[in-house]
Amino acid sequence: MVKKARSSWYWVALMLLNALLFAAGDACNKYVTGIPMWEKVFLRSLIGLVFIVFTFVQSKDKFVVGHWPWQLARAAVGFMVTYTTFYAAVNMPLGDFTTVKNLGPLFAIVFTVLILKDKLNKFAIPGMVISFIGLLIITPPQFGSSIVPMLVAIAAAMFIGMLEVCGRALRKYSNPSSVMLISMVFMTAVSGGLMLADGQPFVMPPVTMLLAILGIAILPTFSQHLGVYIGFNVSPVKTMVYNYVGPIWAVLLGFIIFGEVPTLQFLVGAVFILGGGIFSALKNRPEADKKPEETAKTEG
């Protein structure tokens, strides 16, 4: 079934929503404490798997593997993204982690050009640079972390970049629902095995943390599902700028939930980030608008 061509701003809205879901998931992760790392990853994976199975059944999509090497690569990379971001977020300052993690789009550009031979648009780099300057204004890195968490954060950025590439490659072989189902089964099985091998006693989460644990599981899972859908239609080279909107969403959530008032520094940085995003949106028309026939894939 051929998809209808989507407006450029349709994809912009989805990418902004995707950044919001990631920011909300990070907030939930910060809130949950006193639970072993592998147990947290397992609970996130198990609840996420239930969510994905439910959405898969509701969507009535066909289960399409298409290309096992890329499917397994995407599943393994997705697991590493979860683990490295969980570890780094807990063990280093938020400003450092946010800055380093958002190097992911840079790695996505490199991997996309080298592995998938995607064309690098001349407007991609300027848009990314403008937004990255805004990110540094909002969360200037202190780099006072020990070397191990910093290396883990850099690895997380690399895995995030590779995750986009895997989703991009799989659009020729599978559909978003199948990709996410395979990834969540893999993540649940591996994290469950590592949790048992770790030998730490299972910690029953307090009632006050149950909603946050649900947030850790469902928000990133839905965000990844949405990210795969976007990746099936829009090149990572053209979506990279919107990864930098995450810090803005994080500050806005803090203001709405905790009454934290944004500073002038934040407002200046936000102008750069949104300016880079608008520049990218105007100069880089998503593929679905330019060549609908090229993105005529089946969603199910």
C-alpha atoms as a PDB file:
ATOM      1  CA  MET A   1       0.000   0.000   0.000  1.00  0.00           C
ATOM      2  CA  VAL A   2       1.422   3.372  -1.034  1.00  0.00           C
ATOM      3  CA  LYS A   3       1.659   6.004   1.645  1.00  0.00           C
ATOM      4  CA  LYS A   4       0.293   9.458   1.140  1.00  0.00           C
ATOM      5  CA  ALA A   5       2.892  12.196   0.920  1.00  0.00           C
ATOM      6  CA  ARG A   6       3.324  13.958   4.255  1.00  0.00           C
ATOM      7  CA  SER A   7       3.988  17.614   4.858  1.00  0.00           C
ATOM      8  CA  SER A   8       7.486  18.597   5.960  1.00  0.00           C
ATOM      9  CA  TRP A   9       6.017  19.951   9.174  1.00  0.00           C
ATOM     10  CA  TYR A  10       4.253  16.658   9.882  1.00  0.00           C
ATOM     11  CA  TRP A  11       7.679  15.066  10.350  1.00  0.00           C
ATOM     12  CA  VAL A  12       8.901  18.082  12.313  1.00  0.00           C
ATOM     13  CA  ALA A  13       6.001  17.655  14.755  1.00  0.00           C
ATOM     14  CA  LEU A  14       6.746  13.952  15.186  1.00  0.00           C
ATOM     15  CA  MET A  15      10.439  14.630  15.806  1.00  0.00           C
ATOM     16  CA  LEU A  16       9.611  17.261  18.439  1.00  0.00           C
ATOM     17  CA  LEU A  17       7.238  14.802  20.118  1.00  0.00           C
ATOM     18  CA  ASN A  18       9.943  12.159  20.013  1.00  0.00           C
ATOM     19  CA  ALA A  19      12.367  14.488  21.820  1.00  0.00           C
ATOM     20  CA  LEU A  20       9.700  15.225  24.448  1.00  0.00           C
ATOM     21  CA  LEU A  21       9.121  11.551  25.160  1.00  0.00           C
ATOM     22  CA  PHE A  22      12.854  10.943  25.588  1.00  0.00           C
ATOM     23  CA  ALA A  23      13.130  13.900  27.994  1.00  0.00           C
ATOM     24  CA  ALA A  24      10.184  12.639  30.040  1.00  0.00           C
ATOM     25  CA  GLY A  25      11.727   9.164  30.157  1.00  0.00           C
ATOM     26  CA  ASP A  26      15.028  10.615  31.418  1.00  0.00           C
ATOM     27  CA  ALA A  27      13.143  12.492  34.147  1.00  0.00           C
ATOM     28  CA  CYS A  28      11.492   9.258  35.282  1.00  0.00           C
ATOM     29  CA  ASN A  29      14.847   7.456  35.244  1.00  0.00           C
ATOM     30  CA  LYS A  30      16.373  10.122  37.505  1.00  0.00           C
ATOM     31  CA  TYR A  31      13.483   9.770  39.935  1.00  0.00           C
ATOM     32  CA  VAL A  32      13.809   6.003  40.388  1.00  0.00           C
ATOM     33  CA  THR A  33      16.586   5.238  42.874  1.00  0.00           C
ATOM     34  CA  GLY A  34      17.573   2.321  45.108  1.00  0.00           C
ATOM     35  CA  ILE A  35      16.907  -0.308  42.432  1.00  0.00           C
ATOM     36  CA  PRO A  36      19.770  -2.387  40.926  1.00  0.00           C
ATOM     37  CA  MET A  37      20.712  -1.316  37.398  1.00  0.00           C
ATOM     38  CA  TRP A  38      19.926  -4.631  35.703  1.00  0.00           C
ATOM     39  CA  GLU A  39      16.590  -4.884  37.487  1.00  0.00           C
ATOM     40  CA  LYS A  40      15.713  -1.383  36.273  1.00  0.00           C
ATOM     41  CA  VAL A  41      16.691  -2.288  32.704  1.00  0.00           C
ATOM     42  CA  PHE A  42      14.715  -5.552  32.931  1.00  0.00           C
ATOM     43  CA  LEU A  43      11.569  -3.827  34.236  1.00  0.00           C
ATOM     44  CA  ARG A  44      11.891  -1.213  31.514  1.00  0.00           C
ATOM     45  CA  SER A  45      12.248  -3.969  28.901  1.00  0.00           C
ATOM     46  CA  LEU A  46       9.464  -6.232  30.213  1.00  0.00           C
ATOM     47  CA  ILE A  47       6.861  -3.486  30.537  1.00  0.00           C
ATOM     48  CA  GLY A  48       7.968  -2.080  27.204  1.00  0.00           C
ATOM     49  CA  LEU A  49       7.536  -5.506  25.606  1.00  0.00           C
ATOM     50  CA  VAL A  50       3.960  -5.765  26.906  1.00  0.00           C
ATOM     51  CA  PHE A  51       3.270  -2.301  25.498  1.00  0.00           C
ATOM     52  CA  ILE A  52       4.758  -3.191  22.099  1.00  0.00           C
ATOM     53  CA  VAL A  53       2.840  -6.492  21.888  1.00  0.00           C
ATOM     54  CA  PHE A  54      -0.395  -4.627  22.640  1.00  0.00           C
ATOM     55  CA  THR A  55       0.274  -1.974  19.975  1.00  0.00           C
ATOM     56  CA  PHE A  56       1.358  -4.647  17.498  1.00  0.00           C
ATOM     57  CA  VAL A  57      -1.918  -6.533  17.918  1.00  0.00           C
ATOM     58  CA  GLN A  58      -3.956  -3.342  17.746  1.00  0.00           C
ATOM     59  CA  SER A  59      -2.231  -2.167  14.572  1.00  0.00           C
ATOM     60  CA  LYS A  60      -2.806  -5.535  12.861  1.00  0.00           C
ATOM     61  CA  ASP A  61       0.600  -5.227  11.192  1.00  0.00           C
ATOM     62  CA  LYS A  62       2.174  -8.276   9.618  1.00  0.00           C
ATOM     63  CA  PHE A  63       5.242  -9.708  11.300  1.00  0.00           C
ATOM     64  CA  VAL A  64       8.027  -9.132   8.793  1.00  0.00           C
ATOM     65  CA  VAL A  65      11.638  -9.946   9.635  1.00  0.00           C
ATOM     66  CA  GLY A  66      13.038  -9.214   6.211  1.00  0.00           C
ATOM     67  CA  HIS A  67      16.724  -9.055   7.110  1.00  0.00           C
ATOM     68  CA  TRP A  68      17.937 -10.893  10.229  1.00  0.00           C
ATOM     69  CA  PRO A  69      21.443  -9.355  10.389  1.00  0.00           C
ATOM     70  CA  TRP A  70      20.061  -5.804  10.466  1.00  0.00           C
ATOM     71  CA  GLN A  71      17.264  -6.840  12.839  1.00  0.00           C
ATOM     72  CA  LEU A  72      19.707  -8.371  15.333  1.00  0.00           C
ATOM     73  CA  ALA A  73      22.064  -5.437  14.948  1.00  0.00           C
ATOM     74  CA  ARG A  74      19.234  -3.030  15.694  1.00  0.00           C
ATOM     75  CA  ALA A  75      18.125  -5.094  18.703  1.00  0.00           C
ATOM     76  CA  ALA A  76      21.665  -5.265  20.134  1.00  0.00           C
ATOM     77  CA  VAL A  77      22.298  -1.569  19.561  1.00  0.00           C
ATOM     78  CA  GLY A  78      18.937  -0.685  21.152  1.00  0.00           C
ATOM     79  CA  PHE A  79      19.892  -2.685  24.242  1.00  0.00           C
ATOM     80  CA  MET A  80      23.259  -0.916  24.463  1.00  0.00           C
ATOM     81  CA  VAL A  81      21.588   2.481  24.131  1.00  0.00           C
ATOM     82  CA  THR A  82      19.364   1.666  27.106  1.00  0.00           C
ATOM     83  CA  TYR A  83      22.181   0.368  29.292  1.00  0.00           C
ATOM     84  CA  THR A  84      24.738   3.079  28.518  1.00  0.00           C
ATOM     85  CA  THR A  85      22.262   5.940  28.957  1.00  0.00           C
ATOM     86  CA  PHE A  86      20.980   4.460  32.248  1.00  0.00           C
ATOM     87  CA  TYR A  87      24.531   4.096  33.559  1.00  0.00           C
ATOM     88  CA  ALA A  88      25.854   7.460  32.408  1.00  0.00           C
ATOM     89  CA  ALA A  89      22.808   9.413  33.582  1.00  0.00           C
ATOM     90  CA  VAL A  90      23.269   8.083  37.119  1.00  0.00           C
ATOM     91  CA  ASN A  91      27.057   8.411  37.315  1.00  0.00           C
ATOM     92  CA  MET A  92      27.829  11.834  35.819  1.00  0.00           C
ATOM     93  CA  PRO A  93      26.480  15.410  36.009  1.00  0.00           C
ATOM     94  CA  LEU A  94      23.418  16.100  33.910  1.00  0.00           C
ATOM     95  CA  GLY A  95      25.098  18.910  31.939  1.00  0.00           C
ATOM     96  CA  ASP A  96      27.976  16.652  30.930  1.00  0.00           C
ATOM     97  CA  PHE A  97      25.708  13.732  30.065  1.00  0.00           C
ATOM     98  CA  THR A  98      23.268  15.823  28.021  1.00  0.00           C
ATOM     99  CA  THR A  99      26.066  17.398  26.002  1.00  0.00           C
ATOM    100  CA  VAL A 100      27.923  14.156  25.308  1.00  0.00           C
ATOM    101  CA  LYS A 101      24.759  12.150  24.531  1.00  0.00           C
ATOM    102  CA  ASN A 102      23.712  14.705  21.963  1.00  0.00           C
ATOM    103  CA  LEU A 103      26.803  13.950  19.948  1.00  0.00           C
ATOM    104  CA  GLY A 104      24.661  11.052  18.667  1.00  0.00           C
ATOM    105  CA  PRO A 105      23.506  12.960  15.566  1.00  0.00           C
ATOM    106  CA  LEU A 106      27.129  13.567  14.600  1.00  0.00           C
ATOM    107  CA  PHE A 107      27.780   9.835  14.719  1.00  0.00           C
ATOM    108  CA  ALA A 108      24.530   9.273  12.804  1.00  0.00           C
ATOM    109  CA  ILE A 109      25.838  11.483   9.999  1.00  0.00           C
ATOM    110  CA  VAL A 110      29.143   9.625   9.843  1.00  0.00           C
ATOM    111  CA  PHE A 111      27.555   6.162   9.967  1.00  0.00           C
ATOM    112  CA  THR A 112      24.846   7.073   7.457  1.00  0.00           C
ATOM    113  CA  VAL A 113      27.316   8.424   4.922  1.00  0.00           C
ATOM    114  CA  LEU A 114      29.850   5.612   5.391  1.00  0.00           C
ATOM    115  CA  ILE A 115      27.520   2.625   5.755  1.00  0.00           C
ATOM    116  CA  LEU A 116      24.371   3.567   3.845  1.00  0.00           C
ATOM    117  CA  LYS A 117      26.022   5.944   1.377  1.00  0.00           C
ATOM    118  CA  ASP A 118      23.425   8.602   2.162  1.00  0.00           C
ATOM    119  CA  LYS A 119      23.963  12.016   0.606  1.00  0.00           C
ATOM    120  CA  LEU A 120      25.171  14.725   2.981  1.00  0.00           C
ATOM    121  CA  ASN A 121      23.089  17.840   2.338  1.00  0.00           C
ATOM    122  CA  LYS A 122      25.102  21.065   2.444  1.00  0.00           C
ATOM    123  CA  PHE A 123      22.627  22.596   4.918  1.00  0.00           C
ATOM    124  CA  ALA A 124      22.838  19.725   7.431  1.00  0.00           C
ATOM    125  CA  ILE A 125      26.090  20.803   9.098  1.00  0.00           C
ATOM    126  CA  PRO A 126      25.201  24.516   9.580  1.00  0.00           C
ATOM    127  CA  GLY A 127      21.834  23.606  11.119  1.00  0.00           C
ATOM    128  CA  MET A 128      23.459  21.122  13.470  1.00  0.00           C
ATOM    129  CA  VAL A 129      26.197  23.583  14.499  1.00  0.00           C
ATOM    130  CA  ILE A 130      23.659  26.300  15.335  1.00  0.00           C
ATOM    131  CA  SER A 131      21.654  23.903  17.496  1.00  0.00           C
ATOM    132  CA  PHE A 132      24.738  22.446  19.182  1.00  0.00           C
ATOM    133  CA  ILE A 133      25.846  25.963  20.180  1.00  0.00           C
ATOM    134  CA  GLY A 134      22.441  26.415  21.797  1.00  0.00           C
ATOM    135  CA  LEU A 135      22.851  23.106  23.614  1.00  0.00           C
ATOM    136  CA  LEU A 136      26.219  24.219  25.010  1.00  0.00           C
ATOM    137  CA  ILE A 137      24.673  27.506  26.185  1.00  0.00           C
ATOM    138  CA  ILE A 138      21.889  25.689  28.040  1.00  0.00           C
ATOM    139  CA  THR A 139      23.999  22.892  29.512  1.00  0.00           C
ATOM    140  CA  PRO A 140      27.679  23.905  29.411  1.00  0.00           C
ATOM    141  CA  PRO A 141      29.794  20.829  30.153  1.00  0.00           C
ATOM    142  CA  GLN A 142      31.921  20.829  33.289  1.00  0.00           C
ATOM    143  CA  PHE A 143      33.635  17.534  32.517  1.00  0.00           C
ATOM    144  CA  GLY A 144      34.325  16.798  36.160  1.00  0.00           C
ATOM    145  CA  SER A 145      33.235  13.196  35.801  1.00  0.00           C
ATOM    146  CA  SER A 146      35.544  10.250  36.143  1.00  0.00           C
ATOM    147  CA  ILE A 147      36.812   8.784  32.905  1.00  0.00           C
ATOM    148  CA  VAL A 148      34.625   5.638  32.920  1.00  0.00           C
ATOM    149  CA  PRO A 149      31.195   7.367  32.950  1.00  0.00           C
ATOM    150  CA  MET A 150      32.457   9.822  30.330  1.00  0.00           C
ATOM    151  CA  LEU A 151      33.560   6.992  28.036  1.00  0.00           C
ATOM    152  CA  VAL A 152      30.210   5.267  28.591  1.00  0.00           C
ATOM    153  CA  ALA A 153      28.385   8.491  27.633  1.00  0.00           C
ATOM    154  CA  ILE A 154      30.450   8.765  24.441  1.00  0.00           C
ATOM    155  CA  ALA A 155      29.605   5.128  23.698  1.00  0.00           C
ATOM    156  CA  ALA A 156      25.923   5.947  24.262  1.00  0.00           C
ATOM    157  CA  ALA A 157      26.165   8.732  21.676  1.00  0.00           C
ATOM    158  CA  MET A 158      27.727   6.319  19.197  1.00  0.00           C
ATOM    159  CA  PHE A 159      25.013   3.722  19.813  1.00  0.00           C
ATOM    160  CA  ILE A 160      22.305   6.359  19.401  1.00  0.00           C
ATOM    161  CA  GLY A 161      23.785   7.309  16.052  1.00  0.00           C
ATOM    162  CA  MET A 162      24.001   3.681  14.972  1.00  0.00           C
ATOM    163  CA  LEU A 163      20.419   3.054  16.122  1.00  0.00           C
ATOM    164  CA  GLU A 164      19.159   5.572  13.592  1.00  0.00           C
ATOM    165  CA  VAL A 165      21.223   3.946  10.864  1.00  0.00           C
ATOM    166  CA  CYS A 166      19.851   0.471  11.659  1.00  0.00           C
ATOM    167  CA  GLY A 167      16.280   1.745  11.512  1.00  0.00           C
ATOM    168  CA  ARG A 168      17.042   3.495   8.260  1.00  0.00           C
ATOM    169  CA  ALA A 169      18.483   0.303   6.721  1.00  0.00           C
ATOM    170  CA  LEU A 170      15.550  -1.844   7.844  1.00  0.00           C
ATOM    171  CA  ARG A 171      12.939   0.259   6.086  1.00  0.00           C
ATOM    172  CA  LYS A 172      13.658  -1.715   2.901  1.00  0.00           C
ATOM    173  CA  TYR A 173      12.991  -5.047   4.577  1.00  0.00           C
ATOM    174  CA  SER A 174      10.557  -4.771   7.482  1.00  0.00           C
ATOM    175  CA  ASN A 175       8.041  -2.482   9.193  1.00  0.00           C
ATOM    176  CA  PRO A 176       8.292  -0.387  12.402  1.00  0.00           C
ATOM    177  CA  SER A 177       6.110  -2.708  14.506  1.00  0.00           C
ATOM    178  CA  SER A 178       8.137  -5.804  13.650  1.00  0.00           C
ATOM    179  CA  VAL A 179      11.425  -3.999  14.283  1.00  0.00           C
ATOM    180  CA  MET A 180      10.326  -2.874  17.738  1.00  0.00           C
ATOM    181  CA  LEU A 181       8.848  -6.274  18.643  1.00  0.00           C
ATOM    182  CA  ILE A 182      12.094  -8.084  17.828  1.00  0.00           C
ATOM    183  CA  SER A 183      14.145  -5.462  19.674  1.00  0.00           C
ATOM    184  CA  MET A 184      12.028  -5.616  22.837  1.00  0.00           C
ATOM    185  CA  VAL A 185      12.054  -9.428  22.943  1.00  0.00           C
ATOM    186  CA  PHE A 186      15.846  -9.344  22.631  1.00  0.00           C
ATOM    187  CA  MET A 187      16.222  -6.637  25.290  1.00  0.00           C
ATOM    188  CA  THR A 188      13.931  -8.420  27.758  1.00  0.00           C
ATOM    189  CA  ALA A 189      15.692 -11.765  27.346  1.00  0.00           C
ATOM    190  CA  VAL A 190      19.214 -10.328  27.654  1.00  0.00           C
ATOM    191  CA  SER A 191      18.463  -7.994  30.580  1.00  0.00           C
ATOM    192  CA  GLY A 192      16.583 -10.773  32.390  1.00  0.00           C
ATOM    193  CA  GLY A 193      19.546 -13.114  32.029  1.00  0.00           C
ATOM    194  CA  LEU A 194      21.996 -10.461  33.203  1.00  0.00           C
ATOM    195  CA  MET A 195      19.762  -9.618  36.168  1.00  0.00           C
ATOM    196  CA  LEU A 196      19.773 -13.278  37.268  1.00  0.00           C
ATOM    197  CA  ALA A 197      23.521 -13.598  36.682  1.00  0.00           C
ATOM    198  CA  ASP A 198      24.171 -10.451  38.726  1.00  0.00           C
ATOM    199  CA  GLY A 199      22.799 -12.200  41.800  1.00  0.00           C
ATOM    200  CA  GLN A 200      21.435  -9.091  43.519  1.00  0.00           C
ATOM    201  CA  PRO A 201      18.107  -9.579  45.306  1.00  0.00           C
ATOM    202  CA  PHE A 202      15.029  -8.309  43.529  1.00  0.00           C
ATOM    203  CA  VAL A 203      13.953  -4.976  45.037  1.00  0.00           C
ATOM    204  CA  MET A 204      10.219  -4.353  45.152  1.00  0.00           C
ATOM    205  CA  PRO A 205       9.760  -0.737  44.010  1.00  0.00           C
ATOM    206  CA  PRO A 206       7.919   1.578  46.420  1.00  0.00           C
ATOM    207  CA  VAL A 207       4.412   2.599  45.425  1.00  0.00           C
ATOM    208  CA  THR A 208       5.643   6.168  44.873  1.00  0.00           C
ATOM    209  CA  MET A 209       8.001   4.928  42.167  1.00  0.00           C
ATOM    210  CA  LEU A 210       5.600   2.675  40.276  1.00  0.00           C
ATOM    211  CA  LEU A 211       4.379   5.422  37.944  1.00  0.00           C
ATOM    212  CA  ALA A 212       7.969   6.521  37.329  1.00  0.00           C
ATOM    213  CA  ILE A 213       8.937   2.938  36.455  1.00  0.00           C
ATOM    214  CA  LEU A 214       6.022   2.792  34.035  1.00  0.00           C
ATOM    215  CA  GLY A 215       7.319   6.041  32.586  1.00  0.00           C
ATOM    216  CA  ILE A 216      10.826   4.600  32.229  1.00  0.00           C
ATOM    217  CA  ALA A 217       9.356   1.674  30.309  1.00  0.00           C
ATOM    218  CA  ILE A 218       6.568   3.127  28.199  1.00  0.00           C
ATOM    219  CA  LEU A 219       7.877   6.597  27.309  1.00  0.00           C
ATOM    220  CA  PRO A 220      11.221   5.510  25.792  1.00  0.00           C
ATOM    221  CA  THR A 221       9.559   2.492  24.174  1.00  0.00           C
ATOM    222  CA  PHE A 222       6.935   4.638  22.501  1.00  0.00           C
ATOM    223  CA  SER A 223       9.656   7.129  21.595  1.00  0.00           C
ATOM    224  CA  GLN A 224      11.755   4.397  19.971  1.00  0.00           C
ATOM    225  CA  HIS A 225       8.692   3.110  18.125  1.00  0.00           C
ATOM    226  CA  LEU A 226       8.060   6.616  16.856  1.00  0.00           C
ATOM    227  CA  GLY A 227      11.746   6.997  16.035  1.00  0.00           C
ATOM    228  CA  VAL A 228      11.712   3.837  13.919  1.00  0.00           C
ATOM    229  CA  TYR A 229       8.648   5.107  12.056  1.00  0.00           C
ATOM    230  CA  ILE A 230      10.385   8.430  11.408  1.00  0.00           C
ATOM    231  CA  GLY A 231      13.556   6.623  10.364  1.00  0.00           C
ATOM    232  CA  PHE A 232      11.585   4.632   7.785  1.00  0.00           C
ATOM    233  CA  ASN A 233      10.601   7.886   6.112  1.00  0.00           C
ATOM    234  CA  VAL A 234      13.196  10.568   6.843  1.00  0.00           C
ATOM    235  CA  SER A 235      16.978  10.381   6.566  1.00  0.00           C
ATOM    236  CA  PRO A 236      18.994  10.718   9.819  1.00  0.00           C
ATOM    237  CA  VAL A 237      21.017  13.435   8.086  1.00  0.00           C
ATOM    238  CA  LYS A 238      17.833  15.510   7.859  1.00  0.00           C
ATOM    239  CA  THR A 239      16.470  14.792  11.357  1.00  0.00           C
ATOM    240  CA  MET A 240      19.598  15.261  13.448  1.00  0.00           C
ATOM    241  CA  VAL A 241      18.876  18.827  14.604  1.00  0.00           C
ATOM    242  CA  TYR A 242      15.735  17.800  16.454  1.00  0.00           C
ATOM    243  CA  ASN A 243      17.726  15.634  18.859  1.00  0.00           C
ATOM    244  CA  TYR A 244      18.893  18.891  20.457  1.00  0.00           C
ATOM    245  CA  VAL A 245      15.366  19.914  21.466  1.00  0.00           C
ATOM    246  CA  GLY A 246      15.485  17.405  24.349  1.00  0.00           C
ATOM    247  CA  PRO A 247      17.094  19.827  26.845  1.00  0.00           C
ATOM    248  CA  ILE A 248      14.377  22.398  26.130  1.00  0.00           C
ATOM    249  CA  TRP A 249      11.674  19.838  26.870  1.00  0.00           C
ATOM    250  CA  ALA A 250      13.524  18.845  30.072  1.00  0.00           C
ATOM    251  CA  VAL A 251      13.549  22.442  31.324  1.00  0.00           C
ATOM    252  CA  LEU A 252       9.904  22.955  30.392  1.00  0.00           C
ATOM    253  CA  LEU A 253       8.920  19.787  32.255  1.00  0.00           C
ATOM    254  CA  GLY A 254      10.841  21.036  35.274  1.00  0.00           C
ATOM    255  CA  PHE A 255       8.952  24.332  35.132  1.00  0.00           C
ATOM    256  CA  ILE A 256       5.527  22.690  34.765  1.00  0.00           C
ATOM    257  CA  ILE A 257       6.042  19.934  37.331  1.00  0.00           C
ATOM    258  CA  PHE A 258       8.481  21.450  39.836  1.00  0.00           C
ATOM    259  CA  GLY A 259       8.005  25.191  39.294  1.00  0.00           C
ATOM    260  CA  GLU A 260      11.604  25.734  38.149  1.00  0.00           C
ATOM    261  CA  VAL A 261      11.799  29.082  36.316  1.00  0.00           C
ATOM    262  CA  PRO A 262      13.877  29.083  33.091  1.00  0.00           C
ATOM    263  CA  THR A 263      16.926  31.359  33.164  1.00  0.00           C
ATOM    264  CA  LEU A 264      18.021  33.908  30.583  1.00  0.00           C
ATOM    265  CA  GLN A 265      20.803  31.489  29.669  1.00  0.00           C
ATOM    266  CA  PHE A 266      18.177  28.868  28.821  1.00  0.00           C
ATOM    267  CA  LEU A 267      16.134  31.290  26.720  1.00  0.00           C
ATOM    268  CA  VAL A 268      19.201  32.343  24.690  1.00  0.00           C
ATOM    269  CA  GLY A 269      20.169  28.708  24.120  1.00  0.00           C
ATOM    270  CA  ALA A 270      16.608  27.842  23.141  1.00  0.00           C
ATOM    271  CA  VAL A 271      16.693  30.505  20.426  1.00  0.00           C
ATOM    272  CA  PHE A 272      19.800  28.874  18.920  1.00  0.00           C
ATOM    273  CA  ILE A 273      18.353  25.363  19.147  1.00  0.00           C
ATOM    274  CA  LEU A 274      15.003  26.248  17.628  1.00  0.00           C
ATOM    275  CA  GLY A 275      16.717  28.487  15.068  1.00  0.00           C
ATOM    276  CA  GLY A 276      18.840  25.581  13.907  1.00  0.00           C
ATOM    277  CA  GLY A 277      15.744  23.385  13.757  1.00  0.00           C
ATOM    278  CA  ILE A 278      13.753  25.887  11.720  1.00  0.00           C
ATOM    279  CA  PHE A 279      16.710  26.418   9.382  1.00  0.00           C
ATOM    280  CA  SER A 280      16.972  22.670   8.858  1.00  0.00           C
ATOM    281  CA  ALA A 281      13.212  22.323   8.286  1.00  0.00           C
ATOM    282  CA  LEU A 282      13.204  25.035   5.639  1.00  0.00           C
ATOM    283  CA  LYS A 283      16.360  23.908   3.838  1.00  0.00           C
ATOM    284  CA  ASN A 284      16.019  20.128   4.146  1.00  0.00           C
ATOM    285  CA  ARG A 285      12.673  18.932   2.844  1.00  0.00           C
ATOM    286  CA  PRO A 286      11.993  15.397   4.133  1.00  0.00           C
ATOM    287  CA  GLU A 287      12.069  12.684   1.515  1.00  0.00           C
ATOM    288  CA  ALA A 288       8.361  11.966   1.867  1.00  0.00           C
ATOM    289  CA  ASP A 289       7.685  15.428   0.416  1.00  0.00           C
ATOM    290  CA  LYS A 290      10.291  15.348  -2.347  1.00  0.00           C
ATOM    291  CA  LYS A 291       9.832  11.842  -3.698  1.00  0.00           C
ATOM    292  CA  PRO A 292       6.762  10.091  -2.323  1.00  0.00           C
ATOM    293  CA  GLU A 293       7.364   7.131  -4.594  1.00  0.00           C
ATOM    294  CA  GLU A 294      10.705   6.474  -2.879  1.00  0.00           C
ATOM    295  CA  THR A 295       8.996   6.075   0.476  1.00  0.00           C
ATOM    296  CA  ALA A 296       6.151   3.947  -0.813  1.00  0.00           C
ATOM    297  CA  LYS A 297       6.600   1.229   1.757  1.00  0.00           C
ATOM    298  CA  THR A 298       4.105  -0.927   3.556  1.00  0.00           C
ATOM    299  CA  GLU A 299       3.402  -0.118   7.191  1.00  0.00           C
ATOM    300  CA  GLY A 300       1.915  -3.504   7.776  1.00  0.00           C
END
